[in-house]
Amino acid sequence: MNVFVAGATGALGRQLVPQLAARGHEVVGMTSSAAKQDLVRGLGARPVVADALDPDAVAQAVASAAPEVIVHQLTALSGEMSARDMRHPERSYAVTMTNRLRTEATDHLLAAGRAVGARRFVAQSFAAFRFARAGGPVQTEAEPLDPDPPPSMRAAQAGIVYLERAVTTIEWGEGVVLRYGGFYGPGTAISLAPDAPFAAPIRKRRFPIVGDGGGIWSHIHIADAATVAAVEHGHTGIYNVVDDEPAPVREWLPVLADALHAKPPRRVPRWLGRLAAGEMATVMMTEVRGASNEKAKRELGWRPRYASWRLGFTQGLG
């Protein structure tokens, strides 16, 4: 098929474009930087340069590709969002810009897709720690989102909700939303790179376990994102793309520290964690719920290579 990838040079795009090309798809990769056109070619796609927030530029780029499938992988979270931003994420440029990409850019891409007669639209969302802080430890796509998130998380959640509703209500094709877990691996915030935003504080023992460390996180290796499966299969809807083992912070963080050749993380009481890192980080460490991947496995025919972060942290961080 002809596939248009917006965000072709991001951490996920760099994994996705070669996978699509290897399966015989004709890929056009959109980037906002003319300097990255050679990178797009090297990944196996034809480059097109456009500002995702410019509706005319997006319409022209999509029209030139005439895709059957549009894949929306646009975020501004390529490393700017560090551990210190967790206290006030609403003030972060990366979060603010990502919200615009999840709202304005989504509208531009959907309008362009409708105009060219695309038949499928696949978009990136988030499932790592978004669910209501009640009920079981692992929740499905049918479970409600947190109706009262911490104030610092409300804008980001509103942007995600906007994207999910816009994509899954299109009438001209299949609208597929992939709620990814927390990424790790090359090019992500958790990798062996010395400047990886979350790896660095873990190595310095500045990423402690807060309170009981009972917050359940869902991870996914960057190479295991089910985007190719969603391009080729599945009906309109939302799919959690996470590994098979959602786990509390107190279990996975020491394993990650060991994989990064760091000392075990410190433990701090909840009140101190809130004082030092803010409410968002405290909730993530103590209250959030994980996500089930059963729907994606059942309906997309997808299986992660790294079924657990236990294997991925030891073999897949490089």
Protein backbone atom coordinates (compact mmCIF):
# COMPACT_ATOMS: atom_id res chain seq x y z
CA MET A 1 0.00 0.00 0.00
CA ASN A 2 0.94 3.66 -0.21
CA VAL A 3 1.61 4.81 3.38
CA PHE A 4 2.17 8.37 4.54
CA VAL A 5 4.09 8.65 7.83
CA ALA A 6 3.96 11.99 9.66
CA GLY A 7 6.83 12.04 12.13
CA ALA A 8 9.11 9.81 10.09
CA THR A 9 12.33 10.89 11.80
CA GLY A 10 11.19 10.54 15.41
CA ALA A 11 12.28 7.63 17.60
CA LEU A 12 9.25 5.59 16.57
CA GLY A 13 9.31 6.72 12.95
CA ARG A 14 12.90 5.52 12.60
CA GLN A 15 11.72 2.06 13.62
CA LEU A 16 8.47 2.10 11.66
CA VAL A 17 9.55 3.32 8.21
CA PRO A 18 12.11 0.52 7.59
CA GLN A 19 9.59 -2.07 8.80
CA LEU A 20 6.95 -0.81 6.37
CA ALA A 21 9.43 -0.68 3.48
CA ALA A 22 10.62 -4.21 4.24
CA ARG A 23 7.04 -5.43 3.90
CA GLY A 24 6.74 -3.93 0.42
CA HIS A 25 4.80 -0.79 1.21
CA GLU A 26 5.56 2.45 -0.64
CA VAL A 27 6.31 4.96 2.11
CA VAL A 28 6.36 8.75 2.08
CA GLY A 29 7.90 10.20 5.23
CA MET A 30 7.03 13.71 6.37
CA THR A 31 9.59 15.75 8.29
CA SER A 32 9.57 19.40 9.31
CA SER A 33 13.29 19.75 8.56
CA ALA A 34 14.75 19.92 5.06
CA ALA A 35 18.05 18.79 6.60
CA LYS A 36 16.52 15.41 7.47
CA GLN A 37 15.48 14.42 3.96
CA ASP A 38 18.52 12.18 3.51
CA LEU A 39 17.68 10.47 6.79
CA VAL A 40 14.17 9.73 5.52
CA ARG A 41 15.61 8.30 2.30
CA GLY A 42 18.01 6.16 4.28
CA LEU A 43 15.09 4.72 6.24
CA GLY A 44 13.46 3.61 2.98
CA ALA A 45 10.92 6.37 2.30
CA ARG A 46 10.46 9.28 -0.07
CA PRO A 47 10.79 12.49 1.96
CA VAL A 48 8.40 15.39 1.99
CA VAL A 49 8.98 18.54 4.05
CA ALA A 50 6.03 20.23 5.77
CA ASP A 51 5.15 22.01 8.98
CA ALA A 52 2.51 19.84 10.66
CA LEU A 53 0.83 22.95 12.09
CA ASP A 54 0.38 24.52 8.63
CA PRO A 55 -2.85 23.11 7.15
CA ASP A 56 -2.00 24.11 3.57
CA ALA A 57 1.46 22.53 3.77
CA VAL A 58 0.03 19.32 5.20
CA ALA A 59 -2.70 19.18 2.56
CA GLN A 60 -0.13 19.61 -0.20
CA ALA A 61 2.23 17.01 1.26
CA VAL A 62 -0.53 14.42 1.63
CA ALA A 63 -1.95 15.17 -1.81
CA SER A 64 1.48 14.61 -3.39
CA ALA A 65 1.65 11.18 -1.77
CA ALA A 66 -1.96 10.09 -2.44
CA PRO A 67 -1.76 7.55 0.41
CA GLU A 68 -4.14 4.77 1.24
CA VAL A 69 -2.99 4.91 4.87
CA ILE A 70 -1.88 7.88 6.98
CA VAL A 71 0.17 7.23 10.13
CA HIS A 72 0.31 10.06 12.68
CA GLN A 73 3.41 9.69 14.91
CA LEU A 74 3.96 13.37 15.62
CA THR A 75 5.09 14.42 19.09
CA ALA A 76 7.68 16.81 20.45
CA LEU A 77 8.84 14.36 23.12
CA SER A 78 12.11 13.29 21.52
CA GLY A 79 14.20 13.92 24.63
CA GLU A 80 13.25 17.39 25.79
CA MET A 81 10.97 15.96 28.48
CA SER A 82 13.38 15.11 31.28
CA ALA A 83 12.84 13.82 34.80
CA ARG A 84 13.00 17.34 36.21
CA ASP A 85 10.06 18.34 33.99
CA MET A 86 7.82 15.93 35.86
CA ARG A 87 7.15 18.51 38.56
CA HIS A 88 5.52 21.01 36.16
CA PRO A 89 4.95 19.25 32.82
CA GLU A 90 2.33 21.81 31.87
CA ARG A 91 5.16 24.37 31.64
CA SER A 92 7.29 22.21 29.36
CA TYR A 93 7.64 23.32 25.75
CA ALA A 94 7.70 19.68 24.66
CA VAL A 95 4.36 18.95 26.32
CA THR A 96 2.75 22.16 25.04
CA MET A 97 3.90 21.50 21.48
CA THR A 98 2.85 17.86 21.67
CA ASN A 99 -0.64 18.95 22.69
CA ARG A 100 -0.79 21.14 19.57
CA LEU A 101 0.35 18.21 17.44
CA ARG A 102 -2.35 16.02 19.00
CA THR A 103 -5.05 18.57 18.30
CA GLU A 104 -4.24 20.98 15.46
CA ALA A 105 -1.98 18.63 13.49
CA THR A 106 -4.47 15.79 13.91
CA ASP A 107 -7.18 17.95 12.36
CA HIS A 108 -4.90 18.90 9.45
CA LEU A 109 -3.95 15.29 8.72
CA LEU A 110 -7.53 14.07 8.97
CA ALA A 111 -8.75 16.77 6.59
CA ALA A 112 -5.99 15.90 4.14
CA GLY A 113 -6.78 12.20 4.41
CA ARG A 114 -10.43 12.78 3.69
CA ALA A 115 -9.56 14.95 0.68
CA VAL A 116 -7.38 12.29 -0.97
CA GLY A 117 -9.66 9.36 -0.18
CA ALA A 118 -7.40 7.57 2.30
CA ARG A 119 -9.03 4.52 3.79
CA ARG A 120 -7.15 4.15 7.08
CA PHE A 121 -5.74 6.54 9.66
CA VAL A 122 -3.45 5.28 12.45
CA ALA A 123 -2.50 7.59 15.32
CA GLN A 124 -0.21 7.47 18.33
CA SER A 125 -1.69 7.80 21.81
CA PHE A 126 -0.53 6.85 25.29
CA ALA A 127 -1.38 4.08 27.78
CA ALA A 128 1.56 3.92 30.19
CA PHE A 129 -0.25 5.43 33.18
CA ARG A 130 -3.54 7.05 32.23
CA PHE A 131 -6.27 5.00 33.83
CA ALA A 132 -8.61 5.82 36.69
CA ARG A 133 -6.96 5.25 40.04
CA ALA A 134 -9.58 2.70 41.05
CA GLY A 135 -10.43 -0.85 40.11
CA GLY A 136 -8.01 -3.61 39.22
CA PRO A 137 -4.27 -3.18 38.66
CA VAL A 138 -4.48 -3.88 34.89
CA GLN A 139 -7.23 -2.30 32.82
CA THR A 140 -8.59 -2.60 29.28
CA GLU A 141 -9.45 -0.03 26.65
CA ALA A 142 -13.04 -0.08 27.94
CA GLU A 143 -12.06 1.19 31.39
CA PRO A 144 -12.53 4.91 32.10
CA LEU A 145 -9.68 7.37 32.15
CA ASP A 146 -8.89 9.24 35.34
CA PRO A 147 -11.83 11.65 35.78
CA ASP A 148 -9.79 13.89 38.06
CA PRO A 149 -6.12 13.81 37.04
CA PRO A 150 -3.59 15.97 38.89
CA PRO A 151 -3.77 19.57 37.60
CA SER A 152 -0.37 19.28 35.93
CA MET A 153 -1.62 16.35 33.83
CA ARG A 154 -4.96 17.79 32.69
CA ALA A 155 -3.81 19.60 29.57
CA ALA A 156 -1.86 16.59 28.32
CA GLN A 157 -4.79 14.25 28.96
CA ALA A 158 -7.18 16.64 27.20
CA GLY A 159 -4.95 16.61 24.12
CA ILE A 160 -4.87 12.83 24.07
CA VAL A 161 -8.64 12.56 24.51
CA TYR A 162 -9.13 15.01 21.64
CA LEU A 163 -6.95 12.94 19.33
CA GLU A 164 -8.63 9.67 20.25
CA ARG A 165 -12.14 11.00 19.67
CA ALA A 166 -11.25 12.72 16.41
CA VAL A 167 -9.60 9.64 14.93
CA THR A 168 -12.13 7.04 16.04
CA THR A 169 -15.14 9.01 14.74
CA ILE A 170 -14.06 9.51 11.12
CA GLU A 171 -16.64 8.33 8.58
CA TRP A 172 -14.41 7.97 5.51
CA GLY A 173 -12.23 5.07 6.70
CA GLU A 174 -10.91 3.05 9.61
CA GLY A 175 -9.62 5.20 12.47
CA VAL A 176 -7.15 3.28 14.63
CA VAL A 177 -5.60 4.66 17.82
CA LEU A 178 -2.60 2.93 19.39
CA ARG A 179 -2.14 3.65 23.08
CA TYR A 180 1.55 2.93 23.53
CA GLY A 181 3.15 2.05 26.83
CA GLY A 182 6.24 3.76 28.16
CA PHE A 183 8.93 3.42 25.48
CA TYR A 184 12.42 2.16 26.17
CA GLY A 185 15.29 1.26 23.86
CA PRO A 186 17.42 3.17 21.32
CA GLY A 187 16.42 6.78 20.82
CA THR A 188 14.08 6.89 23.83
CA ALA A 189 14.32 8.43 27.29
CA ILE A 190 15.32 5.03 28.69
CA SER A 191 18.37 3.68 26.88
CA LEU A 192 22.08 3.09 27.32
CA ALA A 193 22.87 6.52 25.89
CA PRO A 194 24.74 8.55 28.55
CA ASP A 195 22.39 11.51 28.12
CA ALA A 196 19.10 9.57 27.98
CA PRO A 197 16.73 11.80 30.02
CA PHE A 198 15.56 9.13 32.48
CA ALA A 199 18.65 6.93 32.46
CA ALA A 200 20.94 9.70 33.72
CA PRO A 201 19.08 10.38 37.00
CA ILE A 202 18.68 6.66 37.63
CA ARG A 203 22.44 6.26 37.37
CA LYS A 204 22.88 9.12 39.84
CA ARG A 205 20.26 7.63 42.22
CA ARG A 206 18.04 10.67 41.71
CA PHE A 207 15.03 8.63 40.56
CA PRO A 208 13.78 7.09 43.82
CA ILE A 209 10.90 4.77 44.60
CA VAL A 210 8.24 7.00 46.16
CA GLY A 211 6.06 5.65 48.94
CA ASP A 212 5.17 2.00 48.42
CA GLY A 213 6.10 2.15 44.72
CA GLY A 214 2.75 0.57 43.93
CA GLY A 215 1.97 2.50 40.75
CA ILE A 216 1.56 0.03 37.86
CA TRP A 217 3.41 0.95 34.67
CA SER A 218 3.10 -0.63 31.24
CA HIS A 219 6.23 -0.65 29.07
CA ILE A 220 6.94 -1.38 25.40
CA HIS A 221 10.21 -1.64 23.51
CA ILE A 222 10.43 0.98 20.76
CA ALA A 223 10.89 -1.74 18.11
CA ASP A 224 7.78 -3.60 19.30
CA ALA A 225 5.24 -0.86 18.54
CA ALA A 226 2.37 -2.49 16.67
CA THR A 227 2.07 0.22 14.03
CA VAL A 228 2.76 -2.09 11.09
CA ALA A 229 0.05 -4.46 12.31
CA ALA A 230 -2.38 -1.54 12.58
CA VAL A 231 -1.53 -0.37 9.06
CA GLU A 232 -2.43 -3.80 7.70
CA HIS A 233 -5.14 -5.03 10.09
CA GLY A 234 -7.76 -4.01 12.62
CA HIS A 235 -10.93 -2.00 12.66
CA THR A 236 -11.78 1.42 14.04
CA GLY A 237 -11.02 1.59 17.73
CA ILE A 238 -8.44 2.02 20.46
CA TYR A 239 -5.74 -0.58 21.15
CA ASN A 240 -3.31 -0.77 24.06
CA VAL A 241 0.18 -1.53 22.75
CA VAL A 242 2.13 -2.65 25.80
CA ASP A 243 4.09 -5.70 26.86
CA ASP A 244 2.66 -8.69 28.71
CA GLU A 245 3.77 -7.69 32.21
CA PRO A 246 2.44 -4.46 33.70
CA ALA A 247 4.34 -4.06 36.96
CA PRO A 248 4.65 -1.79 40.00
CA VAL A 249 7.49 0.70 40.17
CA ARG A 250 9.02 -1.14 43.13
CA GLU A 251 9.57 -4.18 40.88
CA TRP A 252 10.74 -2.75 37.57
CA LEU A 253 12.83 0.24 38.69
CA PRO A 254 15.49 -1.84 40.53
CA VAL A 255 15.79 -4.11 37.47
CA LEU A 256 16.22 -1.10 35.21
CA ALA A 257 18.83 0.39 37.55
CA ASP A 258 20.80 -2.86 37.43
CA ALA A 259 20.60 -2.93 33.62
CA LEU A 260 22.01 0.61 33.61
CA HIS A 261 24.83 -0.49 35.94
CA ALA A 262 23.52 1.76 38.67
CA LYS A 263 23.06 1.20 42.38
CA PRO A 264 19.58 0.26 43.59
CA PRO A 265 17.17 3.22 43.72
CA ARG A 266 16.63 4.99 47.00
CA ARG A 267 13.24 4.95 48.71
CA VAL A 268 11.55 8.11 49.96
CA PRO A 269 8.22 8.63 51.76
CA ARG A 270 5.30 9.89 49.75
CA TRP A 271 5.23 13.32 51.39
CA LEU A 272 8.86 13.89 50.48
CA GLY A 273 8.31 12.68 46.91
CA ARG A 274 5.42 15.13 46.49
CA LEU A 275 7.50 17.97 47.93
CA ALA A 276 10.50 17.23 45.72
CA ALA A 277 8.91 16.04 42.46
CA GLY A 278 5.30 17.20 42.54
CA GLU A 279 1.92 15.54 42.51
CA MET A 280 2.16 14.05 39.01
CA ALA A 281 5.33 12.08 39.79
CA THR A 282 3.90 10.96 43.12
CA VAL A 283 0.70 9.65 41.51
CA MET A 284 2.71 7.86 38.82
CA MET A 285 4.83 6.20 41.49
CA THR A 286 2.01 5.13 43.80
CA GLU A 287 -1.48 5.06 42.26
CA VAL A 288 -1.68 4.58 38.50
CA ARG A 289 -2.96 1.39 36.85
CA GLY A 290 -1.46 -0.66 34.04
CA ALA A 291 -2.89 -1.60 30.64
CA SER A 292 -3.90 -4.92 29.09
CA ASN A 293 -2.67 -5.80 25.58
CA GLU A 294 -5.17 -8.60 24.96
CA LYS A 295 -7.24 -6.65 22.42
CA ALA A 296 -4.23 -5.74 20.28
CA LYS A 297 -2.99 -9.33 20.34
CA ARG A 298 -6.43 -10.67 19.48
CA GLU A 299 -7.54 -8.20 16.81
CA LEU A 300 -4.26 -7.02 15.28
CA GLY A 301 -2.49 -10.38 15.35
CA TRP A 302 0.41 -8.71 17.16
CA ARG A 303 2.95 -10.11 19.61
CA PRO A 304 5.79 -8.16 21.23
CA ARG A 305 9.29 -9.57 20.74
CA TYR A 306 10.12 -8.43 24.26
CA ALA A 307 7.11 -9.86 26.06
CA SER A 308 8.38 -8.46 29.36
CA TRP A 309 10.45 -5.49 30.41
CA ARG A 310 12.54 -7.99 32.39
CA LEU A 311 14.01 -9.30 29.12
CA GLY A 312 13.88 -5.97 27.33
CA PHE A 313 15.81 -4.08 30.01
CA THR A 314 18.63 -6.62 29.94
CA GLN A 315 18.82 -7.15 26.15
CA GLY A 316 17.13 -4.21 24.41
CA LEU A 317 18.34 -0.92 25.91
CA GLY A 318 21.27 -0.45 23.49
